[in-house]
Amino acid sequence: LTLCSYYPLYPPAEEMNVNYETAQVHARFPVTPDVLIIPSDLRYFVKTACGCVCINPGRLTKGHVGGTFARIALGRVPSTGPNRVSPCLSAQIIKI
């Protein structure tokens, strides 16, 4: 989030083909998102970082068995101060 980049690692691995001219234009986001959903093979989690709720729901299926998914409830809460207020009222990781 602090790098403001959709590409997870900078600089990228040598075997990764990245066009730096277009990456600077298309792979950056100028604002911090309220919710960032980043599915991966790593263990599921829900964490708040820099005023953003980061969710890794894991994989829906893992081989022949069920995996996990995320259930989130969003709602706008009025901000009373300079700090960011997350719109995420609740987030759950549910095992299948």
PDB file of N, CA and C in Angstrom:
ATOM      1  N   LEU A   1       0.817  -1.202   0.000  1.00  0.00           N
ATOM      2  CA  LEU A   1       0.000   0.000   0.000  1.00  0.00           C
ATOM      3  C   LEU A   1       0.853   1.256   0.000  1.00  0.00           C
ATOM      4  N   THR A   2       1.966   1.228   0.714  1.00  0.00           N
ATOM      5  CA  THR A   2       2.803   2.426   0.760  1.00  0.00           C
ATOM      6  C   THR A   2       3.553   2.640  -0.546  1.00  0.00           C
ATOM      7  N   LEU A   3       3.729   1.571  -1.355  1.00  0.00           N
ATOM      8  CA  LEU A   3       4.353   1.735  -2.669  1.00  0.00           C
ATOM      9  C   LEU A   3       3.369   2.254  -3.707  1.00  0.00           C
ATOM     10  N   CYS A   4       2.063   2.179  -3.410  1.00  0.00           N
ATOM     11  CA  CYS A   4       1.009   2.609  -4.341  1.00  0.00           C
ATOM     12  C   CYS A   4       1.124   1.898  -5.679  1.00  0.00           C
ATOM     13  N   SER A   5       1.337   0.597  -5.650  1.00  0.00           N
ATOM     14  CA  SER A   5       1.531  -0.158  -6.881  1.00  0.00           C
ATOM     15  C   SER A   5       0.725  -1.446  -6.833  1.00  0.00           C
ATOM     16  N   TYR A   6       0.078  -1.784  -7.951  1.00  0.00           N
ATOM     17  CA  TYR A   6      -0.621  -3.056  -8.051  1.00  0.00           C
ATOM     18  C   TYR A   6       0.358  -4.205  -8.200  1.00  0.00           C
ATOM     19  N   TYR A   7       1.538  -3.919  -8.731  1.00  0.00           N
ATOM     20  CA  TYR A   7       2.553  -4.959  -8.853  1.00  0.00           C
ATOM     21  C   TYR A   7       3.168  -5.160  -7.484  1.00  0.00           C
ATOM     22  N   PRO A   8       3.194  -6.386  -6.954  1.00  0.00           N
ATOM     23  CA  PRO A   8       3.562  -6.577  -5.550  1.00  0.00           C
ATOM     24  C   PRO A   8       5.017  -6.323  -5.197  1.00  0.00           C
ATOM     25  N   LEU A   9       5.947  -6.519  -6.108  1.00  0.00           N
ATOM     26  CA  LEU A   9       7.354  -6.360  -5.766  1.00  0.00           C
ATOM     27  C   LEU A   9       8.025  -5.361  -6.702  1.00  0.00           C
ATOM     28  N   TYR A  10       8.805  -4.490  -6.139  1.00  0.00           N
ATOM     29  CA  TYR A  10       9.580  -3.564  -6.953  1.00  0.00           C
ATOM     30  C   TYR A  10      10.998  -3.559  -6.451  1.00  0.00           C
ATOM     31  N   PRO A  11      11.967  -3.842  -7.226  1.00  0.00           N
ATOM     32  CA  PRO A  11      11.901  -4.216  -8.646  1.00  0.00           C
ATOM     33  C   PRO A  11      11.430  -5.659  -8.809  1.00  0.00           C
ATOM     34  N   PRO A  12      10.872  -5.994  -9.967  1.00  0.00           N
ATOM     35  CA  PRO A  12      10.355  -7.349 -10.176  1.00  0.00           C
ATOM     36  C   PRO A  12      11.476  -8.363 -10.358  1.00  0.00           C
ATOM     37  N   ALA A  13      11.109  -9.625 -10.308  1.00  0.00           N
ATOM     38  CA  ALA A  13      12.066 -10.701 -10.563  1.00  0.00           C
ATOM     39  C   ALA A  13      12.578 -10.597 -11.995  1.00  0.00           C
ATOM     40  N   GLU A  14      13.791 -11.051 -12.222  1.00  0.00           N
ATOM     41  CA  GLU A  14      14.412 -10.917 -13.544  1.00  0.00           C
ATOM     42  C   GLU A  14      13.639 -11.643 -14.637  1.00  0.00           C
ATOM     43  N   GLU A  15      13.013 -12.775 -14.313  1.00  0.00           N
ATOM     44  CA  GLU A  15      12.288 -13.522 -15.340  1.00  0.00           C
ATOM     45  C   GLU A  15      10.911 -12.933 -15.653  1.00  0.00           C
ATOM     46  N   MET A  16      10.479 -11.925 -14.917  1.00  0.00           N
ATOM     47  CA  MET A  16       9.185 -11.288 -15.141  1.00  0.00           C
ATOM     48  C   MET A  16       9.327 -10.198 -16.203  1.00  0.00           C
ATOM     49  N   ASN A  17       8.482 -10.257 -17.230  1.00  0.00           N
ATOM     50  CA  ASN A  17       8.501  -9.243 -18.285  1.00  0.00           C
ATOM     51  C   ASN A  17       7.634  -8.067 -17.862  1.00  0.00           C
ATOM     52  N   VAL A  18       8.266  -6.937 -17.590  1.00  0.00           N
ATOM     53  CA  VAL A  18       7.549  -5.740 -17.169  1.00  0.00           C
ATOM     54  C   VAL A  18       7.985  -4.577 -18.047  1.00  0.00           C
ATOM     55  N   ASN A  19       7.026  -3.893 -18.645  1.00  0.00           N
ATOM     56  CA  ASN A  19       7.307  -2.689 -19.409  1.00  0.00           C
ATOM     57  C   ASN A  19       7.194  -1.518 -18.441  1.00  0.00           C
ATOM     58  N   TYR A  20       8.316  -0.947 -18.047  1.00  0.00           N
ATOM     59  CA  TYR A  20       8.332   0.089 -17.025  1.00  0.00           C
ATOM     60  C   TYR A  20       7.605   1.357 -17.450  1.00  0.00           C
ATOM     61  N   GLU A  21       7.598   1.652 -18.758  1.00  0.00           N
ATOM     62  CA  GLU A  21       6.917   2.860 -19.229  1.00  0.00           C
ATOM     63  C   GLU A  21       5.414   2.769 -18.979  1.00  0.00           C
ATOM     64  N   THR A  22       4.813   1.630 -19.303  1.00  0.00           N
ATOM     65  CA  THR A  22       3.375   1.487 -19.084  1.00  0.00           C
ATOM     66  C   THR A  22       3.052   1.124 -17.641  1.00  0.00           C
ATOM     67  N   ALA A  23       3.976   0.493 -16.941  1.00  0.00           N
ATOM     68  CA  ALA A  23       3.730   0.135 -15.542  1.00  0.00           C
ATOM     69  C   ALA A  23       3.581   1.382 -14.681  1.00  0.00           C
ATOM     70  N   GLN A  24       4.352   2.407 -14.945  1.00  0.00           N
ATOM     71  CA  GLN A  24       4.247   3.644 -14.171  1.00  0.00           C
ATOM     72  C   GLN A  24       2.893   4.311 -14.376  1.00  0.00           C
ATOM     73  N   VAL A  25       2.281   4.098 -15.537  1.00  0.00           N
ATOM     74  CA  VAL A  25       0.986   4.713 -15.832  1.00  0.00           C
ATOM     75  C   VAL A  25      -0.171   3.845 -15.352  1.00  0.00           C
ATOM     76  N   HIS A  26      -0.104   2.533 -15.611  1.00  0.00           N
ATOM     77  CA  HIS A  26      -1.252   1.654 -15.393  1.00  0.00           C
ATOM     78  C   HIS A  26      -1.194   0.814 -14.121  1.00  0.00           C
ATOM     79  N   ALA A  27      -0.055   0.648 -13.502  1.00  0.00           N
ATOM     80  CA  ALA A  27       0.054  -0.235 -12.340  1.00  0.00           C
ATOM     81  C   ALA A  27       0.130   0.528 -11.026  1.00  0.00           C
ATOM     82  N   ARG A  28      -0.150   1.804 -11.026  1.00  0.00           N
ATOM     83  CA  ARG A  28      -0.106   2.605  -9.810  1.00  0.00           C
ATOM     84  C   ARG A  28      -1.516   3.085  -9.456  1.00  0.00           C
ATOM     85  N   PHE A  29      -1.773   3.224  -8.173  1.00  0.00           N
ATOM     86  CA  PHE A  29      -3.036   3.825  -7.768  1.00  0.00           C
ATOM     87  C   PHE A  29      -2.729   5.009  -6.858  1.00  0.00           C
ATOM     88  N   PRO A  30      -3.330   6.156  -7.147  1.00  0.00           N
ATOM     89  CA  PRO A  30      -2.993   7.391  -6.438  1.00  0.00           C
ATOM     90  C   PRO A  30      -3.631   7.522  -5.057  1.00  0.00           C
ATOM     91  N   VAL A  31      -4.579   6.669  -4.723  1.00  0.00           N
ATOM     92  CA  VAL A  31      -5.259   6.763  -3.431  1.00  0.00           C
ATOM     93  C   VAL A  31      -5.191   5.414  -2.726  1.00  0.00           C
ATOM     94  N   THR A  32      -5.401   5.415  -1.434  1.00  0.00           N
ATOM     95  CA  THR A  32      -5.457   4.169  -0.671  1.00  0.00           C
ATOM     96  C   THR A  32      -6.875   3.612  -0.761  1.00  0.00           C
ATOM     97  N   PRO A  33      -7.040   2.358  -1.183  1.00  0.00           N
ATOM     98  CA  PRO A  33      -8.386   1.791  -1.271  1.00  0.00           C
ATOM     99  C   PRO A  33      -8.969   1.539   0.117  1.00  0.00           C
ATOM    100  N   ASP A  34     -10.289   1.489   0.208  1.00  0.00           N
ATOM    101  CA  ASP A  34     -10.946   1.156   1.471  1.00  0.00           C
ATOM    102  C   ASP A  34     -10.806  -0.331   1.773  1.00  0.00           C
ATOM    103  N   VAL A  35     -10.986  -1.157   0.742  1.00  0.00           N
ATOM    104  CA  VAL A  35     -10.886  -2.611   0.881  1.00  0.00           C
ATOM    105  C   VAL A  35     -10.013  -3.132  -0.257  1.00  0.00           C
ATOM    106  N   LEU A  36      -9.059  -3.990   0.069  1.00  0.00           N
ATOM    107  CA  LEU A  36      -8.175  -4.601  -0.927  1.00  0.00           C
ATOM    108  C   LEU A  36      -8.280  -6.112  -0.772  1.00  0.00           C
ATOM    109  N   ILE A  37      -8.800  -6.787  -1.805  1.00  0.00           N
ATOM    110  CA  ILE A  37      -8.954  -8.236  -1.774  1.00  0.00           C
ATOM    111  C   ILE A  37      -7.839  -8.837  -2.620  1.00  0.00           C
ATOM    112  N   ILE A  38      -6.994  -9.645  -1.980  1.00  0.00           N
ATOM    113  CA  ILE A  38      -5.810 -10.195  -2.633  1.00  0.00           C
ATOM    114  C   ILE A  38      -5.757 -11.710  -2.418  1.00  0.00           C
ATOM    115  N   PRO A  39      -6.500 -12.497  -3.220  1.00  0.00           N
ATOM    116  CA  PRO A  39      -6.478 -13.944  -3.030  1.00  0.00           C
ATOM    117  C   PRO A  39      -5.113 -14.525  -3.376  1.00  0.00           C
ATOM    118  N   SER A  40      -4.685 -15.497  -2.596  1.00  0.00           N
ATOM    119  CA  SER A  40      -3.408 -16.158  -2.860  1.00  0.00           C
ATOM    120  C   SER A  40      -3.430 -17.558  -2.262  1.00  0.00           C
ATOM    121  N   ASP A  41      -2.345 -18.286  -2.484  1.00  0.00           N
ATOM    122  CA  ASP A  41      -2.210 -19.630  -1.921  1.00  0.00           C
ATOM    123  C   ASP A  41      -1.725 -19.593  -0.478  1.00  0.00           C
ATOM    124  N   LEU A  42      -1.365 -18.418   0.012  1.00  0.00           N
ATOM    125  CA  LEU A  42      -0.941 -18.288   1.401  1.00  0.00           C
ATOM    126  C   LEU A  42      -2.140 -18.426   2.330  1.00  0.00           C
ATOM    127  N   ARG A  43      -1.896 -18.539   3.617  1.00  0.00           N
ATOM    128  CA  ARG A  43      -2.971 -18.687   4.605  1.00  0.00           C
ATOM    129  C   ARG A  43      -3.883 -17.458   4.579  1.00  0.00           C
ATOM    130  N   TYR A  44      -5.172 -17.695   4.733  1.00  0.00           N
ATOM    131  CA  TYR A  44      -6.175 -16.630   4.721  1.00  0.00           C
ATOM    132  C   TYR A  44      -5.954 -15.655   5.878  1.00  0.00           C
ATOM    133  N   PHE A  45      -6.363 -14.396   5.677  1.00  0.00           N
ATOM    134  CA  PHE A  45      -6.259 -13.400   6.743  1.00  0.00           C
ATOM    135  C   PHE A  45      -7.149 -12.205   6.438  1.00  0.00           C
ATOM    136  N   VAL A  46      -7.431 -11.438   7.481  1.00  0.00           N
ATOM    137  CA  VAL A  46      -8.078 -10.129   7.387  1.00  0.00           C
ATOM    138  C   VAL A  46      -7.286  -9.210   8.291  1.00  0.00           C
ATOM    139  N   LYS A  47      -6.721  -8.150   7.733  1.00  0.00           N
ATOM    140  CA  LYS A  47      -5.924  -7.210   8.515  1.00  0.00           C
ATOM    141  C   LYS A  47      -6.190  -5.793   8.041  1.00  0.00           C
ATOM    142  N   THR A  48      -5.997  -4.846   8.941  1.00  0.00           N
ATOM    143  CA  THR A  48      -6.098  -3.435   8.591  1.00  0.00           C
ATOM    144  C   THR A  48      -4.699  -2.855   8.516  1.00  0.00           C
ATOM    145  N   ALA A  49      -4.405  -2.188   7.405  1.00  0.00           N
ATOM    146  CA  ALA A  49      -3.098  -1.561   7.217  1.00  0.00           C
ATOM    147  C   ALA A  49      -3.301  -0.220   6.531  1.00  0.00           C
ATOM    148  N   CYS A  50      -2.768   0.829   7.108  1.00  0.00           N
ATOM    149  CA  CYS A  50      -2.828   2.179   6.520  1.00  0.00           C
ATOM    150  C   CYS A  50      -4.265   2.615   6.236  1.00  0.00           C
ATOM    151  N   GLY A  51      -5.210   2.217   7.072  1.00  0.00           N
ATOM    152  CA  GLY A  51      -6.605   2.600   6.874  1.00  0.00           C
ATOM    153  C   GLY A  51      -7.324   1.786   5.815  1.00  0.00           C
ATOM    154  N   CYS A  52      -6.720   0.702   5.360  1.00  0.00           N
ATOM    155  CA  CYS A  52      -7.302  -0.159   4.330  1.00  0.00           C
ATOM    156  C   CYS A  52      -7.483  -1.558   4.917  1.00  0.00           C
ATOM    157  N   VAL A  53      -8.628  -2.168   4.672  1.00  0.00           N
ATOM    158  CA  VAL A  53      -8.862  -3.538   5.115  1.00  0.00           C
ATOM    159  C   VAL A  53      -8.347  -4.466   4.019  1.00  0.00           C
ATOM    160  N   CYS A  54      -7.318  -5.244   4.338  1.00  0.00           N
ATOM    161  CA  CYS A  54      -6.704  -6.181   3.391  1.00  0.00           C
ATOM    162  C   CYS A  54      -7.230  -7.578   3.687  1.00  0.00           C
ATOM    163  N   ILE A  55      -7.765  -8.227   2.665  1.00  0.00           N
ATOM    164  CA  ILE A  55      -8.379  -9.538   2.842  1.00  0.00           C
ATOM    165  C   ILE A  55      -7.751 -10.525   1.867  1.00  0.00           C
ATOM    166  N   ASN A  56      -7.232 -11.619   2.399  1.00  0.00           N
ATOM    167  CA  ASN A  56      -6.807 -12.756   1.592  1.00  0.00           C
ATOM    168  C   ASN A  56      -7.766 -13.885   1.934  1.00  0.00           C
ATOM    169  N   PRO A  57      -8.764 -14.141   1.074  1.00  0.00           N
ATOM    170  CA  PRO A  57      -9.728 -15.186   1.392  1.00  0.00           C
ATOM    171  C   PRO A  57      -9.187 -16.595   1.205  1.00  0.00           C
ATOM    172  N   GLY A  58      -7.986 -16.738   0.681  1.00  0.00           N
ATOM    173  CA  GLY A  58      -7.452 -18.062   0.392  1.00  0.00           C
ATOM    174  C   GLY A  58      -8.054 -18.585  -0.897  1.00  0.00           C
ATOM    175  N   ARG A  59      -8.072 -19.878  -1.055  1.00  0.00           N
ATOM    176  CA  ARG A  59      -8.640 -20.508  -2.251  1.00  0.00           C
ATOM    177  C   ARG A  59      -9.959 -21.173  -1.903  1.00  0.00           C
ATOM    178  N   LEU A  60     -10.923 -21.084  -2.831  1.00  0.00           N
ATOM    179  CA  LEU A  60     -12.237 -21.666  -2.603  1.00  0.00           C
ATOM    180  C   LEU A  60     -12.162 -23.187  -2.517  1.00  0.00           C
ATOM    181  N   THR A  61     -11.298 -23.779  -3.318  1.00  0.00           N
ATOM    182  CA  THR A  61     -11.079 -25.221  -3.240  1.00  0.00           C
ATOM    183  C   THR A  61      -9.587 -25.497  -3.166  1.00  0.00           C
ATOM    184  N   LYS A  62      -9.256 -26.561  -2.459  1.00  0.00           N
ATOM    185  CA  LYS A  62      -7.861 -26.992  -2.346  1.00  0.00           C
ATOM    186  C   LYS A  62      -7.819 -28.470  -2.682  1.00  0.00           C
ATOM    187  N   GLY A  63      -7.543 -28.763  -3.943  1.00  0.00           N
ATOM    188  CA  GLY A  63      -7.571 -30.155  -4.383  1.00  0.00           C
ATOM    189  C   GLY A  63      -8.996 -30.667  -4.409  1.00  0.00           C
ATOM    190  N   HIS A  64      -9.252 -31.746  -3.679  1.00  0.00           N
ATOM    191  CA  HIS A  64     -10.590 -32.344  -3.644  1.00  0.00           C
ATOM    192  C   HIS A  64     -11.381 -31.936  -2.409  1.00  0.00           C
ATOM    193  N   VAL A  65     -10.836 -31.050  -1.603  1.00  0.00           N
ATOM    194  CA  VAL A  65     -11.536 -30.620  -0.390  1.00  0.00           C
ATOM    195  C   VAL A  65     -11.884 -29.140  -0.499  1.00  0.00           C
ATOM    196  N   GLY A  66     -12.779 -28.714   0.371  1.00  0.00           N
ATOM    197  CA  GLY A  66     -13.184 -27.322   0.379  1.00  0.00           C
ATOM    198  C   GLY A  66     -12.113 -26.417   0.944  1.00  0.00           C
ATOM    199  N   GLY A  67     -12.138 -25.187   0.531  1.00  0.00           N
ATOM    200  CA  GLY A  67     -11.167 -24.200   0.995  1.00  0.00           C
ATOM    201  C   GLY A  67     -11.837 -23.163   1.874  1.00  0.00           C
ATOM    202  N   THR A  68     -11.587 -21.900   1.582  1.00  0.00           N
ATOM    203  CA  THR A  68     -12.135 -20.800   2.374  1.00  0.00           C
ATOM    204  C   THR A  68     -12.620 -19.687   1.458  1.00  0.00           C
ATOM    205  N   PHE A  69     -13.530 -18.868   1.985  1.00  0.00           N
ATOM    206  CA  PHE A  69     -13.949 -17.657   1.290  1.00  0.00           C
ATOM    207  C   PHE A  69     -14.211 -16.584   2.328  1.00  0.00           C
ATOM    208  N   ALA A  70     -14.331 -15.347   1.873  1.00  0.00           N
ATOM    209  CA  ALA A  70     -14.533 -14.220   2.789  1.00  0.00           C
ATOM    210  C   ALA A  70     -15.953 -13.693   2.666  1.00  0.00           C
ATOM    211  N   ARG A  71     -16.520 -13.327   3.804  1.00  0.00           N
ATOM    212  CA  ARG A  71     -17.820 -12.650   3.848  1.00  0.00           C
ATOM    213  C   ARG A  71     -17.572 -11.308   4.522  1.00  0.00           C
ATOM    214  N   ILE A  72     -17.898 -10.215   3.830  1.00  0.00           N
ATOM    215  CA  ILE A  72     -17.659  -8.889   4.405  1.00  0.00           C
ATOM    216  C   ILE A  72     -18.946  -8.084   4.393  1.00  0.00           C
ATOM    217  N   ALA A  73     -19.093  -7.234   5.385  1.00  0.00           N
ATOM    218  CA  ALA A  73     -20.221  -6.309   5.469  1.00  0.00           C
ATOM    219  C   ALA A  73     -19.652  -4.899   5.433  1.00  0.00           C
ATOM    220  N   LEU A  74     -20.143  -4.102   4.489  1.00  0.00           N
ATOM    221  CA  LEU A  74     -19.645  -2.741   4.321  1.00  0.00           C
ATOM    222  C   LEU A  74     -20.735  -1.739   4.646  1.00  0.00           C
ATOM    223  N   GLY A  75     -20.333  -0.615   5.161  1.00  0.00           N
ATOM    224  CA  GLY A  75     -21.245   0.483   5.452  1.00  0.00           C
ATOM    225  C   GLY A  75     -20.440   1.746   5.675  1.00  0.00           C
ATOM    226  N   ARG A  76     -20.930   2.859   5.254  1.00  0.00           N
ATOM    227  CA  ARG A  76     -20.190   4.110   5.386  1.00  0.00           C
ATOM    228  C   ARG A  76     -20.410   4.684   6.779  1.00  0.00           C
ATOM    229  N   VAL A  77     -19.297   4.911   7.478  1.00  0.00           N
ATOM    230  CA  VAL A  77     -19.320   5.513   8.806  1.00  0.00           C
ATOM    231  C   VAL A  77     -18.789   6.931   8.665  1.00  0.00           C
ATOM    232  N   PRO A  78     -19.498   7.936   9.177  1.00  0.00           N
ATOM    233  CA  PRO A  78     -19.002   9.309   9.033  1.00  0.00           C
ATOM    234  C   PRO A  78     -17.683   9.509   9.769  1.00  0.00           C
ATOM    235  N   SER A  79     -16.751  10.168   9.111  1.00  0.00           N
ATOM    236  CA  SER A  79     -15.440  10.439   9.693  1.00  0.00           C
ATOM    237  C   SER A  79     -15.500  11.737  10.487  1.00  0.00           C
ATOM    238  N   THR A  80     -15.010  11.691  11.720  1.00  0.00           N
ATOM    239  CA  THR A  80     -15.044  12.888  12.564  1.00  0.00           C
ATOM    240  C   THR A  80     -13.671  13.517  12.737  1.00  0.00           C
ATOM    241  N   GLY A  81     -12.634  12.867  12.237  1.00  0.00           N
ATOM    242  CA  GLY A  81     -11.278  13.387  12.421  1.00  0.00           C
ATOM    243  C   GLY A  81     -10.451  13.215  11.166  1.00  0.00           C
ATOM    244  N   PRO A  82      -9.160  13.500  11.272  1.00  0.00           N
ATOM    245  CA  PRO A  82      -8.297  13.400  10.097  1.00  0.00           C
ATOM    246  C   PRO A  82      -7.920  11.962   9.729  1.00  0.00           C
ATOM    247  N   ASN A  83      -8.145  11.004  10.618  1.00  0.00           N
ATOM    248  CA  ASN A  83      -7.776   9.613  10.344  1.00  0.00           C
ATOM    249  C   ASN A  83      -8.801   8.945   9.442  1.00  0.00           C
ATOM    250  N   ARG A  84      -8.326   8.008   8.617  1.00  0.00           N
ATOM    251  CA  ARG A  84      -9.221   7.244   7.742  1.00  0.00           C
ATOM    252  C   ARG A  84     -10.085   6.309   8.578  1.00  0.00           C
ATOM    253  N   VAL A  85     -11.340   6.178   8.193  1.00  0.00           N
ATOM    254  CA  VAL A  85     -12.256   5.253   8.847  1.00  0.00           C
ATOM    255  C   VAL A  85     -12.625   4.186   7.832  1.00  0.00           C
ATOM    256  N   SER A  86     -12.403   2.939   8.185  1.00  0.00           N
ATOM    257  CA  SER A  86     -12.688   1.837   7.268  1.00  0.00           C
ATOM    258  C   SER A  86     -14.194   1.647   7.116  1.00  0.00           C
ATOM    259  N   PRO A  87     -14.669   1.385   5.891  1.00  0.00           N
ATOM    260  CA  PRO A  87     -16.093   1.121   5.697  1.00  0.00           C
ATOM    261  C   PRO A  87     -16.468  -0.321   6.022  1.00  0.00           C
ATOM    262  N   CYS A  88     -15.487  -1.134   6.388  1.00  0.00           N
ATOM    263  CA  CYS A  88     -15.727  -2.548   6.667  1.00  0.00           C
ATOM    264  C   CYS A  88     -16.266  -2.697   8.086  1.00  0.00           C
ATOM    265  N   LEU A  89     -17.536  -3.086   8.201  1.00  0.00           N
ATOM    266  CA  LEU A  89     -18.154  -3.262   9.508  1.00  0.00           C
ATOM    267  C   LEU A  89     -17.779  -4.606  10.115  1.00  0.00           C
ATOM    268  N   SER A  90     -17.679  -5.637   9.262  1.00  0.00           N
ATOM    269  CA  SER A  90     -17.227  -6.946   9.733  1.00  0.00           C
ATOM    270  C   SER A  90     -16.664  -7.725   8.552  1.00  0.00           C
ATOM    271  N   ALA A  91     -15.745  -8.612   8.858  1.00  0.00           N
ATOM    272  CA  ALA A  91     -15.156  -9.481   7.837  1.00  0.00           C
ATOM    273  C   ALA A  91     -14.910 -10.841   8.468  1.00  0.00           C
ATOM    274  N   GLN A  92     -15.292 -11.878   7.753  1.00  0.00           N
ATOM    275  CA  GLN A  92     -15.134 -13.241   8.250  1.00  0.00           C
ATOM    276  C   GLN A  92     -14.498 -14.104   7.170  1.00  0.00           C
ATOM    277  N   ILE A  93     -13.648 -15.017   7.582  1.00  0.00           N
ATOM    278  CA  ILE A  93     -13.138 -16.052   6.691  1.00  0.00           C
ATOM    279  C   ILE A  93     -13.904 -17.322   7.040  1.00  0.00           C
ATOM    280  N   ILE A  94     -14.572 -17.905   6.059  1.00  0.00           N
ATOM    281  CA  ILE A  94     -15.431 -19.062   6.296  1.00  0.00           C
ATOM    282  C   ILE A  94     -14.829 -20.276   5.601  1.00  0.00           C
ATOM    283  N   LYS A  95     -14.686 -21.365   6.357  1.00  0.00           N
ATOM    284  CA  LYS A  95     -14.168 -22.618   5.796  1.00  0.00           C
ATOM    285  C   LYS A  95     -15.317 -23.420   5.213  1.00  0.00           C
ATOM    286  N   ILE A  96     -15.055 -24.047   4.085  1.00  0.00           N
ATOM    287  CA  ILE A  96     -16.074 -24.867   3.426  1.00  0.00           C
ATOM    288  C   ILE A  96     -15.940 -26.295   3.927  1.00  0.00           C
TER     289      ILE A  96
END
